[in-house]
Amino acid sequence: MKFITFLLAALFVLSSDLSSAQINGSFESSIITANTLVASSFINDNEGWMADDKALLWHTSNAGQTWSSVLTDKYFLKLQFLDPINGYGITADALYKTTESGNTWSALSLPGNIGTALYFLDKQYRLCQRARSNLQNH
């Protein structure tokens, strides 16, 4: 009985703290974009990229405390960065590669259809997958 009383008291205290925190904004974070985020890739706990539905690529190097953006004119559906410089992105009709942290992108040619998923065996070999798989060395 003491345990149940303690549990109920703890829940009451926590719920009152949470509701007051939400009212005073403690849980609110600054909005990085009003657009819809559609793809993301993080290479560690601090550094990552997100693509939105307006062709903006967002980057953070401090676990999301601040974000910078670059207009790519590419509508990425999938992103995969291997390190702070090299990354890949899939749009509805092409596969792209960056060697400049997402600032510029080059289209890559693939045999067959563009895949909908990216997998990396290492920094040179990637696998794009749709109904069938295509292995490329780049």
N, C-alpha and C. Protein backbone atom coordinates (compact mmCIF):
# COMPACT_ATOMS: atom_id res chain seq x y z
N MET A 1 0.81 -1.19 0.00
CA MET A 1 0.00 0.00 0.00
C MET A 1 0.85 1.26 0.00
N LYS A 2 1.95 1.23 0.79
CA LYS A 2 2.84 2.39 0.82
C LYS A 2 3.44 2.63 -0.56
N PHE A 3 3.78 1.53 -1.26
CA PHE A 3 4.38 1.66 -2.60
C PHE A 3 3.40 2.32 -3.56
N ILE A 4 2.12 1.93 -3.52
CA ILE A 4 1.12 2.52 -4.42
C ILE A 4 0.94 4.00 -4.09
N THR A 5 0.89 4.36 -2.82
CA THR A 5 0.78 5.76 -2.43
C THR A 5 1.97 6.55 -2.93
N PHE A 6 3.18 5.99 -2.76
CA PHE A 6 4.39 6.65 -3.24
C PHE A 6 4.35 6.83 -4.76
N LEU A 7 3.92 5.78 -5.47
CA LEU A 7 3.86 5.83 -6.93
C LEU A 7 2.87 6.90 -7.39
N LEU A 8 1.70 6.96 -6.77
CA LEU A 8 0.72 7.98 -7.14
C LEU A 8 1.23 9.38 -6.85
N ALA A 9 1.90 9.57 -5.70
CA ALA A 9 2.45 10.88 -5.36
C ALA A 9 3.53 11.28 -6.35
N ALA A 10 4.38 10.32 -6.73
CA ALA A 10 5.45 10.61 -7.69
C ALA A 10 4.86 10.99 -9.04
N LEU A 11 3.83 10.27 -9.49
CA LEU A 11 3.19 10.60 -10.76
C LEU A 11 2.56 11.99 -10.72
N PHE A 12 1.93 12.33 -9.60
CA PHE A 12 1.33 13.64 -9.46
C PHE A 12 2.38 14.74 -9.56
N VAL A 13 3.49 14.57 -8.86
CA VAL A 13 4.55 15.57 -8.88
C VAL A 13 5.13 15.69 -10.28
N LEU A 14 5.39 14.56 -10.92
CA LEU A 14 5.96 14.60 -12.27
C LEU A 14 5.00 15.24 -13.26
N SER A 15 3.72 14.89 -13.18
CA SER A 15 2.77 15.45 -14.14
C SER A 15 2.60 16.95 -13.92
N SER A 16 2.63 17.41 -12.69
CA SER A 16 2.51 18.85 -12.46
C SER A 16 3.76 19.58 -12.93
N ASP A 17 4.95 18.96 -12.78
CA ASP A 17 6.17 19.57 -13.28
C ASP A 17 6.17 19.63 -14.80
N LEU A 18 5.70 18.56 -15.44
CA LEU A 18 5.68 18.54 -16.90
C LEU A 18 4.72 19.57 -17.46
N SER A 19 3.53 19.67 -16.88
CA SER A 19 2.58 20.63 -17.43
C SER A 19 3.05 22.06 -17.21
N SER A 20 3.68 22.37 -16.10
CA SER A 20 4.17 23.73 -15.92
C SER A 20 5.37 24.00 -16.81
N ALA A 21 6.17 22.96 -17.07
CA ALA A 21 7.32 23.14 -17.97
C ALA A 21 6.84 23.42 -19.38
N GLN A 22 5.78 22.76 -19.80
CA GLN A 22 5.28 23.00 -21.14
C GLN A 22 4.67 24.39 -21.25
N ILE A 23 4.06 24.86 -20.18
CA ILE A 23 3.46 26.20 -20.20
C ILE A 23 4.55 27.27 -20.28
N ASN A 24 5.63 27.11 -19.52
CA ASN A 24 6.64 28.16 -19.54
C ASN A 24 7.69 27.95 -20.63
N GLY A 25 7.53 26.91 -21.49
CA GLY A 25 8.40 26.76 -22.64
C GLY A 25 9.66 25.96 -22.42
N SER A 26 9.81 25.30 -21.29
CA SER A 26 11.04 24.54 -21.05
C SER A 26 11.23 23.41 -22.05
N PHE A 27 10.13 22.83 -22.55
CA PHE A 27 10.24 21.73 -23.49
C PHE A 27 10.18 22.21 -24.94
N GLU A 28 9.89 23.44 -25.14
CA GLU A 28 9.80 23.94 -26.50
C GLU A 28 11.19 24.20 -27.05
N SER A 29 11.39 23.84 -28.30
CA SER A 29 12.66 24.13 -28.96
C SER A 29 12.39 25.08 -30.12
N SER A 30 13.42 25.78 -30.54
CA SER A 30 13.21 26.68 -31.65
C SER A 30 12.95 25.87 -32.92
N ILE A 31 12.07 26.37 -33.71
CA ILE A 31 11.71 25.70 -34.96
C ILE A 31 12.79 26.01 -35.98
N ILE A 32 13.33 24.94 -36.60
CA ILE A 32 14.35 25.20 -37.61
C ILE A 32 13.72 25.48 -38.96
N THR A 33 12.53 24.95 -39.21
CA THR A 33 11.86 25.20 -40.48
C THR A 33 10.36 24.97 -40.32
N ALA A 34 9.58 25.70 -41.07
CA ALA A 34 8.14 25.45 -41.12
C ALA A 34 7.83 24.40 -42.17
N ASN A 35 8.82 24.02 -42.96
CA ASN A 35 8.66 23.02 -44.01
C ASN A 35 8.63 21.62 -43.38
N THR A 36 8.29 20.64 -44.19
CA THR A 36 8.24 19.26 -43.73
C THR A 36 9.59 18.61 -43.93
N LEU A 37 10.14 18.04 -42.86
CA LEU A 37 11.42 17.33 -42.96
C LEU A 37 11.15 15.94 -43.51
N VAL A 38 11.88 15.54 -44.56
CA VAL A 38 11.59 14.28 -45.23
C VAL A 38 12.74 13.27 -45.18
N ALA A 39 13.95 13.71 -44.90
CA ALA A 39 15.09 12.78 -44.88
C ALA A 39 16.11 13.29 -43.88
N SER A 40 16.87 12.36 -43.29
CA SER A 40 17.91 12.77 -42.35
C SER A 40 19.04 11.76 -42.35
N SER A 41 20.21 12.23 -41.94
CA SER A 41 21.38 11.37 -41.78
C SER A 41 22.28 11.99 -40.73
N PHE A 42 22.57 11.23 -39.70
CA PHE A 42 23.49 11.67 -38.65
C PHE A 42 24.68 10.73 -38.62
N ILE A 43 25.90 11.31 -38.58
CA ILE A 43 27.10 10.48 -38.57
C ILE A 43 27.60 10.22 -37.16
N ASN A 44 27.10 10.99 -36.20
CA ASN A 44 27.42 10.77 -34.79
C ASN A 44 26.37 11.51 -33.96
N ASP A 45 26.58 11.61 -32.67
CA ASP A 45 25.59 12.27 -31.80
C ASP A 45 25.47 13.76 -32.05
N ASN A 46 26.48 14.38 -32.65
CA ASN A 46 26.49 15.82 -32.83
C ASN A 46 26.20 16.29 -34.24
N GLU A 47 26.66 15.55 -35.23
CA GLU A 47 26.62 16.07 -36.61
C GLU A 47 25.62 15.31 -37.48
N GLY A 48 24.77 16.11 -38.14
CA GLY A 48 23.78 15.51 -39.02
C GLY A 48 23.19 16.50 -40.00
N TRP A 49 22.45 15.94 -40.95
CA TRP A 49 21.80 16.71 -42.01
C TRP A 49 20.35 16.29 -42.09
N MET A 50 19.48 17.23 -42.45
CA MET A 50 18.08 16.94 -42.71
C MET A 50 17.67 17.69 -43.97
N ALA A 51 16.86 17.03 -44.79
CA ALA A 51 16.34 17.64 -46.01
C ALA A 51 14.85 17.89 -45.82
N ASP A 52 14.40 19.05 -46.32
CA ASP A 52 12.97 19.33 -46.21
C ASP A 52 12.32 19.30 -47.59
N ASP A 53 11.01 19.51 -47.61
CA ASP A 53 10.25 19.40 -48.85
C ASP A 53 10.34 20.65 -49.73
N LYS A 54 11.17 21.61 -49.36
CA LYS A 54 11.36 22.82 -50.17
C LYS A 54 12.78 22.92 -50.70
N ALA A 55 13.49 21.78 -50.77
CA ALA A 55 14.85 21.67 -51.32
C ALA A 55 15.91 22.35 -50.46
N LEU A 56 15.63 22.50 -49.17
CA LEU A 56 16.64 23.01 -48.25
C LEU A 56 17.31 21.84 -47.54
N LEU A 57 18.61 21.92 -47.40
CA LEU A 57 19.38 20.94 -46.65
C LEU A 57 19.87 21.61 -45.38
N TRP A 58 19.51 21.05 -44.24
CA TRP A 58 19.84 21.61 -42.93
C TRP A 58 20.99 20.82 -42.33
N HIS A 59 21.92 21.51 -41.67
CA HIS A 59 23.10 20.87 -41.08
C HIS A 59 23.32 21.37 -39.65
N THR A 60 23.66 20.44 -38.76
CA THR A 60 24.05 20.79 -37.40
C THR A 60 25.35 20.07 -37.07
N SER A 61 26.20 20.72 -36.31
CA SER A 61 27.42 20.08 -35.83
C SER A 61 27.50 20.14 -34.30
N ASN A 62 26.38 20.56 -33.68
CA ASN A 62 26.36 20.65 -32.21
C ASN A 62 25.07 20.06 -31.64
N ALA A 63 24.71 18.89 -32.15
CA ALA A 63 23.55 18.13 -31.66
C ALA A 63 22.24 18.90 -31.77
N GLY A 64 22.11 19.72 -32.78
CA GLY A 64 20.86 20.42 -33.03
C GLY A 64 20.67 21.72 -32.28
N GLN A 65 21.69 22.19 -31.57
CA GLN A 65 21.55 23.47 -30.88
C GLN A 65 21.43 24.60 -31.89
N THR A 66 22.17 24.51 -32.98
CA THR A 66 22.05 25.47 -34.07
C THR A 66 22.03 24.71 -35.39
N TRP A 67 21.40 25.31 -36.38
CA TRP A 67 21.27 24.71 -37.71
C TRP A 67 21.61 25.76 -38.75
N SER A 68 22.26 25.33 -39.82
CA SER A 68 22.46 26.18 -40.99
C SER A 68 21.80 25.47 -42.16
N SER A 69 21.47 26.22 -43.19
CA SER A 69 20.80 25.60 -44.34
C SER A 69 21.41 26.09 -45.63
N VAL A 70 21.25 25.26 -46.66
CA VAL A 70 21.67 25.61 -48.00
C VAL A 70 20.55 25.16 -48.95
N LEU A 71 20.24 26.00 -49.92
CA LEU A 71 19.23 25.65 -50.92
C LEU A 71 19.89 24.76 -51.97
N THR A 72 19.41 23.54 -52.11
CA THR A 72 20.05 22.58 -53.02
C THR A 72 19.36 22.48 -54.36
N ASP A 73 18.13 22.90 -54.49
CA ASP A 73 17.24 22.70 -55.63
C ASP A 73 17.03 21.22 -55.94
N LYS A 74 17.28 20.37 -54.93
CA LYS A 74 17.04 18.93 -55.04
C LYS A 74 16.10 18.53 -53.91
N TYR A 75 15.11 17.74 -54.27
CA TYR A 75 14.11 17.30 -53.31
C TYR A 75 14.47 15.89 -52.85
N PHE A 76 15.34 15.81 -51.86
CA PHE A 76 15.83 14.52 -51.39
C PHE A 76 14.76 13.75 -50.64
N LEU A 77 14.70 12.45 -50.94
CA LEU A 77 13.82 11.53 -50.24
C LEU A 77 14.60 10.70 -49.22
N LYS A 78 15.88 10.48 -49.50
CA LYS A 78 16.78 9.74 -48.62
C LYS A 78 18.13 10.45 -48.61
N LEU A 79 18.79 10.43 -47.45
CA LEU A 79 20.14 10.98 -47.29
C LEU A 79 21.00 9.96 -46.57
N GLN A 80 22.28 9.92 -46.93
CA GLN A 80 23.24 9.11 -46.19
C GLN A 80 24.60 9.78 -46.28
N PHE A 81 25.06 10.31 -45.14
CA PHE A 81 26.40 10.88 -45.08
C PHE A 81 27.32 9.85 -44.45
N LEU A 82 28.53 9.74 -45.00
CA LEU A 82 29.52 8.79 -44.51
C LEU A 82 30.46 9.43 -43.50
N ASP A 83 30.68 10.72 -43.66
CA ASP A 83 31.57 11.50 -42.81
C ASP A 83 31.17 12.96 -42.97
N PRO A 84 31.86 13.90 -42.36
CA PRO A 84 31.44 15.31 -42.45
C PRO A 84 31.48 15.90 -43.87
N ILE A 85 32.12 15.25 -44.80
CA ILE A 85 32.28 15.81 -46.15
C ILE A 85 31.49 15.05 -47.21
N ASN A 86 31.50 13.73 -47.14
CA ASN A 86 30.94 12.88 -48.20
C ASN A 86 29.55 12.37 -47.86
N GLY A 87 28.63 12.56 -48.80
CA GLY A 87 27.27 12.10 -48.59
C GLY A 87 26.57 11.79 -49.90
N TYR A 88 25.45 11.08 -49.79
CA TYR A 88 24.63 10.69 -50.93
C TYR A 88 23.20 11.07 -50.65
N GLY A 89 22.46 11.36 -51.70
CA GLY A 89 21.04 11.66 -51.58
C GLY A 89 20.27 11.08 -52.75
N ILE A 90 19.07 10.61 -52.48
CA ILE A 90 18.19 10.09 -53.53
C ILE A 90 17.01 11.03 -53.67
N THR A 91 16.72 11.42 -54.90
CA THR A 91 15.49 12.14 -55.22
C THR A 91 14.57 11.15 -55.93
N ALA A 92 13.44 11.61 -56.42
CA ALA A 92 12.51 10.72 -57.11
C ALA A 92 13.09 10.18 -58.41
N ASP A 93 14.08 10.89 -58.98
CA ASP A 93 14.58 10.44 -60.28
C ASP A 93 16.09 10.40 -60.41
N ALA A 94 16.86 10.58 -59.33
CA ALA A 94 18.32 10.57 -59.47
C ALA A 94 19.00 10.25 -58.14
N LEU A 95 20.24 9.81 -58.26
CA LEU A 95 21.11 9.60 -57.11
C LEU A 95 22.20 10.66 -57.19
N TYR A 96 22.49 11.33 -56.07
CA TYR A 96 23.47 12.41 -56.04
C TYR A 96 24.54 12.11 -55.00
N LYS A 97 25.71 12.72 -55.24
CA LYS A 97 26.82 12.61 -54.30
C LYS A 97 27.37 14.01 -54.02
N THR A 98 27.75 14.24 -52.75
CA THR A 98 28.43 15.47 -52.38
C THR A 98 29.79 15.14 -51.79
N THR A 99 30.75 15.96 -52.10
CA THR A 99 32.08 15.87 -51.47
C THR A 99 32.41 17.20 -50.80
N GLU A 100 31.36 18.00 -50.58
CA GLU A 100 31.51 19.32 -49.98
C GLU A 100 30.47 19.55 -48.89
N SER A 101 30.24 18.56 -48.07
CA SER A 101 29.33 18.67 -46.92
C SER A 101 27.90 19.05 -47.28
N GLY A 102 27.49 18.76 -48.50
CA GLY A 102 26.13 19.07 -48.92
C GLY A 102 25.97 20.39 -49.61
N ASN A 103 27.05 21.16 -49.78
CA ASN A 103 26.94 22.46 -50.44
C ASN A 103 26.73 22.34 -51.94
N THR A 104 27.34 21.34 -52.58
CA THR A 104 27.12 21.08 -53.99
C THR A 104 26.90 19.58 -54.17
N TRP A 105 26.17 19.22 -55.23
CA TRP A 105 25.81 17.82 -55.48
C TRP A 105 26.04 17.49 -56.95
N SER A 106 26.52 16.27 -57.20
CA SER A 106 26.72 15.77 -58.56
C SER A 106 25.86 14.55 -58.76
N ALA A 107 25.20 14.49 -59.92
CA ALA A 107 24.36 13.33 -60.25
C ALA A 107 25.25 12.14 -60.59
N LEU A 108 24.84 10.97 -60.14
CA LEU A 108 25.54 9.72 -60.45
C LEU A 108 24.67 8.91 -61.38
N SER A 109 25.30 8.22 -62.32
CA SER A 109 24.51 7.37 -63.21
C SER A 109 24.44 5.96 -62.64
N LEU A 110 23.26 5.37 -62.78
CA LEU A 110 23.02 4.00 -62.33
C LEU A 110 22.38 3.21 -63.45
N PRO A 111 22.71 1.96 -63.55
CA PRO A 111 21.97 1.12 -64.51
C PRO A 111 20.58 0.84 -63.96
N GLY A 112 19.57 1.00 -64.76
CA GLY A 112 18.22 0.70 -64.30
C GLY A 112 17.60 1.86 -63.53
N ASN A 113 16.60 1.53 -62.75
CA ASN A 113 15.84 2.53 -61.99
C ASN A 113 16.61 3.01 -60.77
N ILE A 114 16.26 4.21 -60.34
CA ILE A 114 16.82 4.75 -59.11
C ILE A 114 16.23 3.97 -57.94
N GLY A 115 17.05 3.65 -56.98
CA GLY A 115 16.58 2.92 -55.81
C GLY A 115 15.90 3.81 -54.81
N THR A 116 15.35 3.20 -53.80
CA THR A 116 14.67 3.95 -52.75
C THR A 116 15.37 3.83 -51.40
N ALA A 117 16.51 3.14 -51.38
CA ALA A 117 17.26 2.98 -50.14
C ALA A 117 18.75 2.99 -50.44
N LEU A 118 19.54 3.47 -49.51
CA LEU A 118 21.00 3.48 -49.63
C LEU A 118 21.60 2.65 -48.52
N TYR A 119 22.55 1.80 -48.87
CA TYR A 119 23.31 1.03 -47.89
C TYR A 119 24.77 1.12 -48.27
N PHE A 120 25.65 1.16 -47.28
CA PHE A 120 27.07 1.28 -47.56
C PHE A 120 27.83 0.12 -46.96
N LEU A 121 28.61 -0.53 -47.82
CA LEU A 121 29.50 -1.58 -47.36
C LEU A 121 30.77 -0.97 -46.80
N ASP A 122 31.23 0.11 -47.42
CA ASP A 122 32.34 0.93 -46.95
C ASP A 122 32.25 2.25 -47.70
N LYS A 123 33.28 3.08 -47.67
CA LYS A 123 33.18 4.40 -48.30
C LYS A 123 33.18 4.35 -49.82
N GLN A 124 33.54 3.21 -50.41
CA GLN A 124 33.56 3.12 -51.87
C GLN A 124 32.35 2.39 -52.44
N TYR A 125 31.82 1.42 -51.74
CA TYR A 125 30.75 0.59 -52.29
C TYR A 125 29.42 0.92 -51.64
N ARG A 126 28.45 1.21 -52.47
CA ARG A 126 27.11 1.49 -51.97
C ARG A 126 26.11 0.60 -52.68
N LEU A 127 25.03 0.38 -52.06
CA LEU A 127 23.98 -0.46 -52.61
C LEU A 127 22.71 0.37 -52.65
N CYS A 128 22.15 0.53 -53.84
CA CYS A 128 20.86 1.19 -53.99
C CYS A 128 19.84 0.11 -54.24
N GLN A 129 18.74 0.17 -53.54
CA GLN A 129 17.79 -0.92 -53.62
C GLN A 129 16.41 -0.43 -54.01
N ARG A 130 15.80 -1.12 -54.93
CA ARG A 130 14.39 -0.95 -55.26
C ARG A 130 13.80 -2.34 -55.32
N ALA A 131 13.27 -2.76 -56.43
CA ALA A 131 12.79 -4.13 -56.55
C ALA A 131 13.96 -5.08 -56.70
N ARG A 132 14.99 -4.62 -57.38
CA ARG A 132 16.22 -5.40 -57.48
C ARG A 132 17.37 -4.51 -57.05
N SER A 133 18.51 -5.09 -56.73
CA SER A 133 19.63 -4.31 -56.18
C SER A 133 20.68 -4.05 -57.25
N ASN A 134 21.31 -2.89 -57.15
CA ASN A 134 22.41 -2.52 -58.04
C ASN A 134 23.61 -2.17 -57.17
N LEU A 135 24.73 -2.81 -57.38
CA LEU A 135 25.94 -2.51 -56.62
C LEU A 135 26.84 -1.64 -57.46
N GLN A 136 27.24 -0.51 -56.92
CA GLN A 136 28.07 0.44 -57.65
C GLN A 136 29.36 0.71 -56.88
N ASN A 137 30.44 0.90 -57.60
CA ASN A 137 31.71 1.31 -57.01
C ASN A 137 31.95 2.74 -57.45
N HIS A 138 32.04 3.65 -56.49
CA HIS A 138 32.30 5.06 -56.80
C HIS A 138 33.29 5.63 -55.84
